[in-house]
Amino acid sequence: MSLTVGAAILLGLVEGLTEWLPISSTGHLTVTQALLGIEGDAADSYAIAIQAGAILAVLGLYRERFGAMLRGLRGDDEAGRRTLIAVLVGCLPAVMVGLALEDVIKQRLFGPWPVVVAWFVGGVVILVVARHRRDVAPEAGAPLTALQWRGALLIGLAQTLALWPGVSRSLVTILVATAIGLTVPAAVEFSFLLGFVTLGGATLYETASSGNEMVAAFGVAKPLLGLAVAFLAATVAMRWMVSYLSRRGLGIFGWYRIGVAAVVAGLLITGVL
């Protein structure tokens, strides 16, 4: 098993473009790795490690919000303190479930067919929700600073569903956040903030536990290259998504998920994948 420069760039591009969109980066990376023939523990660790690039993109886009949360930690910003508490509460369920079921998830769910099922089901859910909310303006609802810990906990519980590759953490968190009354921009921002902490923790954990194996297999330069590409791609994808959802709904992502599920299912049935 080898990782070429081209494959490192491609995987970084896939990670960055899909991490924050409601289409599942893990699902796309799983299928891309299978098509490239880059599989195994080292490859899985690489896919998680390059998430750091997408995570840093959140810090750049929402640096003012992070500043407010830091001031809230010092007691100088009440709204920032509430947001910080909401983010921490929202992260707890995924952390606990992820640690408890880590081996089961990797053994049972990291494969193309579970991803296809999750893509299709998620696509149908998006279309149903989009139809229900077609007359609701994106700015209708409460701002992020109004989110209380109970609402954050509900969003965090929904986030655990995304431990199934293909479900999409962004999808479930945005849907639940809007369902409990947040505006679409607020829901997207909270989803990104949750991802920053949740994915950041997962990346550090995976790097600490399997980083040596990844470096032994792929070296240092290629993972860093993938990380840099993921950062640039995620920055572009996030800005586009925020702009798009401020004007339109999630429907396009539902059709995309159903379409990609059909294509990958066809590849699996014909033996190409």
Protein backbone atom coordinates (compact mmCIF):
# COMPACT_ATOMS: atom_id res chain seq x y z
CA MET A 1 0.00 0.00 0.00
CA SER A 2 1.45 3.35 -1.05
CA LEU A 3 0.25 6.93 -1.05
CA THR A 4 1.34 8.95 -4.07
CA VAL A 5 1.50 12.74 -4.07
CA GLY A 6 -1.50 12.80 -6.40
CA ALA A 7 -3.52 10.57 -4.07
CA ALA A 8 -2.54 12.70 -1.06
CA ILE A 9 -3.79 15.81 -2.85
CA LEU A 10 -6.99 14.10 -4.01
CA LEU A 11 -7.84 12.84 -0.53
CA GLY A 12 -7.13 16.28 0.95
CA LEU A 13 -9.39 17.84 -1.67
CA VAL A 14 -12.20 15.36 -0.97
CA GLU A 15 -11.87 15.93 2.79
CA GLY A 16 -11.88 19.70 2.54
CA LEU A 17 -14.78 19.96 0.09
CA THR A 18 -17.04 17.51 1.91
CA GLU A 19 -16.26 17.93 5.63
CA TRP A 20 -18.68 20.77 6.29
CA LEU A 21 -21.28 20.08 3.62
CA PRO A 22 -24.21 17.80 4.59
CA ILE A 23 -22.97 15.00 2.32
CA SER A 24 -20.51 13.15 4.64
CA SER A 25 -16.76 13.51 4.29
CA THR A 26 -16.18 10.08 5.87
CA GLY A 27 -18.40 8.46 3.27
CA HIS A 28 -16.61 10.19 0.40
CA LEU A 29 -13.18 9.37 1.82
CA THR A 30 -14.14 5.70 2.38
CA VAL A 31 -15.23 5.31 -1.24
CA THR A 32 -12.28 7.32 -2.61
CA GLN A 33 -9.80 5.22 -0.63
CA ALA A 34 -11.43 2.04 -1.94
CA LEU A 35 -11.22 3.28 -5.54
CA LEU A 36 -7.54 4.19 -5.05
CA GLY A 37 -6.78 0.91 -3.30
CA ILE A 38 -5.48 2.76 -0.24
CA GLU A 39 -6.99 0.93 2.72
CA GLY A 40 -6.00 -0.30 6.18
CA ASP A 41 -5.38 1.24 9.59
CA ALA A 42 -2.72 3.66 8.33
CA ALA A 43 -5.06 4.90 5.59
CA ASP A 44 -7.90 5.37 8.08
CA SER A 45 -5.57 7.33 10.37
CA TYR A 46 -4.49 9.49 7.42
CA ALA A 47 -8.13 10.27 6.59
CA ILE A 48 -8.72 11.43 10.15
CA ALA A 49 -5.42 13.30 10.48
CA ILE A 50 -6.03 15.52 7.44
CA GLN A 51 -9.27 16.68 9.07
CA ALA A 52 -7.02 19.11 10.92
CA GLY A 53 -6.90 21.22 7.77
CA ALA A 54 -10.69 21.49 7.59
CA ILE A 55 -10.83 22.19 11.32
CA LEU A 56 -8.40 25.11 11.05
CA ALA A 57 -10.62 26.57 8.33
CA VAL A 58 -13.41 26.94 10.92
CA LEU A 59 -11.08 28.88 13.19
CA GLY A 60 -10.32 31.28 10.37
CA LEU A 61 -13.94 31.80 9.34
CA TYR A 62 -15.34 32.27 12.84
CA ARG A 63 -12.40 33.87 14.62
CA GLU A 64 -14.65 36.60 16.07
CA ARG A 65 -16.96 34.00 17.62
CA PHE A 66 -13.98 32.14 19.08
CA GLY A 67 -12.77 35.45 20.51
CA ALA A 68 -16.16 35.98 22.15
CA MET A 69 -16.07 32.49 23.66
CA LEU A 70 -12.59 33.10 25.03
CA ARG A 71 -13.80 36.34 26.59
CA GLY A 72 -16.74 34.41 27.99
CA LEU A 73 -14.33 31.95 29.57
CA ARG A 74 -12.73 34.89 31.37
CA GLY A 75 -16.14 36.21 32.38
CA ASP A 76 -15.97 39.26 30.10
CA ASP A 77 -18.64 38.25 27.55
CA GLU A 78 -21.95 36.73 28.68
CA ALA A 79 -23.13 35.81 25.19
CA GLY A 80 -19.76 34.22 24.47
CA ARG A 81 -19.99 32.23 27.70
CA ARG A 82 -23.42 30.87 26.75
CA THR A 83 -22.15 29.85 23.33
CA LEU A 84 -19.10 28.15 24.85
CA ILE A 85 -21.29 26.17 27.27
CA ALA A 86 -23.61 25.17 24.41
CA VAL A 87 -20.68 23.94 22.30
CA LEU A 88 -19.15 21.92 25.14
CA VAL A 89 -22.50 20.35 26.08
CA GLY A 90 -23.22 19.56 22.44
CA CYS A 91 -19.91 17.73 22.05
CA LEU A 92 -20.30 15.39 25.04
CA PRO A 93 -22.66 12.74 23.55
CA ALA A 94 -20.52 12.11 20.46
CA VAL A 95 -17.35 11.88 22.55
CA MET A 96 -18.85 9.36 24.97
CA VAL A 97 -20.53 7.20 22.31
CA GLY A 98 -17.50 7.40 20.02
CA LEU A 99 -15.11 6.18 22.71
CA ALA A 100 -17.48 3.42 23.80
CA LEU A 101 -18.19 2.09 20.30
CA GLU A 102 -14.96 2.95 18.47
CA ASP A 103 -14.03 -0.65 17.59
CA VAL A 104 -17.57 -1.64 16.61
CA ILE A 105 -17.92 1.39 14.33
CA LYS A 106 -14.61 0.71 12.57
CA GLN A 107 -15.32 -3.02 12.14
CA ARG A 108 -18.98 -2.87 11.11
CA LEU A 109 -19.62 0.50 9.48
CA PHE A 110 -16.46 1.56 7.65
CA GLY A 111 -17.34 0.10 4.27
CA PRO A 112 -19.01 1.18 1.02
CA TRP A 113 -22.42 -0.46 1.58
CA PRO A 114 -23.13 1.14 4.98
CA VAL A 115 -22.13 4.47 3.42
CA VAL A 116 -24.49 3.96 0.46
CA VAL A 117 -27.41 3.23 2.79
CA ALA A 118 -26.65 6.32 4.91
CA TRP A 119 -26.28 8.52 1.83
CA PHE A 120 -29.64 7.43 0.43
CA VAL A 121 -31.59 7.68 3.67
CA GLY A 122 -30.05 11.06 4.46
CA GLY A 123 -30.93 12.31 0.99
CA VAL A 124 -34.57 11.33 1.40
CA VAL A 125 -34.68 13.00 4.82
CA ILE A 126 -33.27 16.23 3.39
CA LEU A 127 -35.87 16.32 0.61
CA VAL A 128 -38.71 15.72 3.07
CA VAL A 129 -37.46 18.47 5.39
CA ALA A 130 -36.79 20.85 2.49
CA ARG A 131 -40.37 20.37 1.27
CA HIS A 132 -41.70 21.04 4.76
CA ARG A 133 -39.60 24.21 5.15
CA ARG A 134 -39.95 25.56 1.61
CA ASP A 135 -41.96 28.58 2.80
CA VAL A 136 -39.72 29.28 5.82
CA ALA A 137 -37.15 32.04 5.32
CA PRO A 138 -33.54 31.13 6.24
CA GLU A 139 -33.36 34.04 8.68
CA ALA A 140 -36.52 32.96 10.52
CA GLY A 141 -35.75 31.83 14.06
CA ALA A 142 -33.46 32.59 16.96
CA PRO A 143 -29.78 33.63 16.86
CA LEU A 144 -27.00 31.39 18.08
CA THR A 145 -26.62 33.33 21.33
CA ALA A 146 -30.17 32.29 22.30
CA LEU A 147 -29.27 28.58 22.30
CA GLN A 148 -29.54 27.06 25.80
CA TRP A 149 -27.77 23.94 27.06
CA ARG A 150 -30.88 21.75 26.66
CA GLY A 151 -31.13 22.57 22.98
CA ALA A 152 -27.38 22.05 22.58
CA LEU A 153 -27.72 18.63 24.19
CA LEU A 154 -30.42 17.62 21.70
CA ILE A 155 -28.19 18.69 18.82
CA GLY A 156 -25.30 16.79 20.40
CA LEU A 157 -27.38 13.63 20.71
CA ALA A 158 -28.26 13.92 17.02
CA GLN A 159 -24.57 14.31 16.22
CA THR A 160 -23.94 10.77 17.50
CA LEU A 161 -25.86 9.46 14.46
CA ALA A 162 -23.01 10.79 12.31
CA LEU A 163 -20.68 8.18 13.80
CA TRP A 164 -22.25 6.02 11.08
CA PRO A 165 -20.13 6.93 8.01
CA GLY A 166 -22.25 8.53 5.34
CA VAL A 167 -24.81 10.10 7.67
CA SER A 168 -23.03 13.50 7.85
CA ARG A 169 -22.49 15.36 11.07
CA SER A 170 -23.38 18.65 9.39
CA LEU A 171 -26.66 17.22 8.14
CA VAL A 172 -28.04 15.99 11.46
CA THR A 173 -26.84 18.96 13.50
CA ILE A 174 -28.23 21.55 11.07
CA LEU A 175 -31.58 19.77 10.79
CA VAL A 176 -32.04 19.47 14.54
CA ALA A 177 -30.78 23.01 15.21
CA THR A 178 -33.34 24.49 12.81
CA ALA A 179 -36.03 22.17 14.17
CA ILE A 180 -35.57 23.57 17.69
CA GLY A 181 -35.80 27.13 16.42
CA LEU A 182 -32.42 28.46 15.28
CA THR A 183 -32.08 30.40 12.06
CA VAL A 184 -30.33 28.56 9.23
CA PRO A 185 -27.15 30.71 9.53
CA ALA A 186 -27.09 30.10 13.30
CA ALA A 187 -27.61 26.36 12.79
CA VAL A 188 -24.77 26.20 10.26
CA GLU A 189 -22.44 28.16 12.54
CA PHE A 190 -23.22 25.97 15.55
CA SER A 191 -22.65 22.87 13.42
CA PHE A 192 -19.23 24.22 12.44
CA LEU A 193 -18.34 25.08 16.04
CA LEU A 194 -19.37 21.61 17.23
CA GLY A 195 -17.28 20.09 14.47
CA PHE A 196 -14.27 22.16 15.45
CA VAL A 197 -14.27 20.69 18.95
CA THR A 198 -15.53 17.17 18.16
CA LEU A 199 -13.36 16.60 15.10
CA GLY A 200 -10.43 18.36 16.73
CA GLY A 201 -10.58 15.92 19.64
CA ALA A 202 -10.95 12.93 17.31
CA THR A 203 -8.00 14.08 15.21
CA LEU A 204 -5.75 14.51 18.23
CA TYR A 205 -6.84 11.14 19.64
CA GLU A 206 -6.28 9.28 16.37
CA THR A 207 -2.94 10.98 15.76
CA ALA A 208 -1.75 10.10 19.26
CA SER A 209 -2.89 6.48 19.03
CA SER A 210 -2.04 5.66 15.40
CA GLY A 211 0.15 8.51 14.21
CA ASN A 212 3.34 6.47 14.28
CA GLU A 213 1.79 3.83 12.05
CA MET A 214 0.61 6.49 9.60
CA VAL A 215 4.04 8.14 9.48
CA ALA A 216 5.75 4.78 9.02
CA ALA A 217 3.50 4.01 6.05
CA PHE A 218 3.26 7.43 4.39
CA GLY A 219 5.97 9.65 5.91
CA VAL A 220 5.38 13.20 7.13
CA ALA A 221 5.34 15.32 3.96
CA LYS A 222 2.31 13.66 2.33
CA PRO A 223 0.00 13.94 5.37
CA LEU A 224 1.02 17.60 5.72
CA LEU A 225 0.29 18.13 2.03
CA GLY A 226 -3.15 16.54 2.43
CA LEU A 227 -3.80 18.73 5.46
CA ALA A 228 -2.88 21.91 3.57
CA VAL A 229 -5.09 20.99 0.61
CA ALA A 230 -7.95 20.16 2.99
CA PHE A 231 -7.59 23.58 4.64
CA LEU A 232 -7.82 25.47 1.34
CA ALA A 233 -10.68 23.35 0.01
CA ALA A 234 -12.63 23.59 3.28
CA THR A 235 -12.27 27.37 3.36
CA VAL A 236 -13.82 27.63 -0.10
CA ALA A 237 -16.55 25.07 0.63
CA MET A 238 -17.57 26.68 3.92
CA ARG A 239 -17.85 30.17 2.46
CA TRP A 240 -19.92 28.83 -0.43
CA MET A 241 -22.21 26.86 1.87
CA VAL A 242 -22.88 29.80 4.19
CA SER A 243 -23.70 32.00 1.18
CA TYR A 244 -25.84 29.35 -0.53
CA LEU A 245 -27.94 28.44 2.50
CA SER A 246 -28.62 32.09 3.25
CA ARG A 247 -30.55 32.17 -0.03
CA ARG A 248 -31.72 28.60 -0.65
CA GLY A 249 -32.54 25.40 1.17
CA LEU A 250 -30.87 22.02 1.61
CA GLY A 251 -32.70 20.33 -1.28
CA ILE A 252 -29.71 20.26 -3.63
CA PHE A 253 -27.76 18.20 -1.10
CA GLY A 254 -30.60 15.67 -0.86
CA TRP A 255 -30.57 15.06 -4.60
CA TYR A 256 -26.76 14.86 -4.58
CA ARG A 257 -26.76 12.24 -1.82
CA ILE A 258 -29.33 10.08 -3.61
CA GLY A 259 -27.42 10.40 -6.87
CA VAL A 260 -24.03 9.49 -5.42
CA ALA A 261 -25.60 6.59 -3.51
CA ALA A 262 -26.99 5.22 -6.78
CA VAL A 263 -23.65 5.60 -8.58
CA VAL A 264 -21.63 3.89 -5.82
CA ALA A 265 -24.24 1.12 -5.47
CA GLY A 266 -23.91 0.50 -9.20
CA LEU A 267 -20.11 0.30 -8.89
CA LEU A 268 -20.44 -2.18 -6.04
CA ILE A 269 -22.98 -4.36 -7.83
CA THR A 270 -20.89 -4.50 -11.01
CA GLY A 271 -17.73 -5.29 -9.05
CA VAL A 272 -15.89 -2.12 -10.05
CA LEU A 273 -15.63 -1.11 -6.40
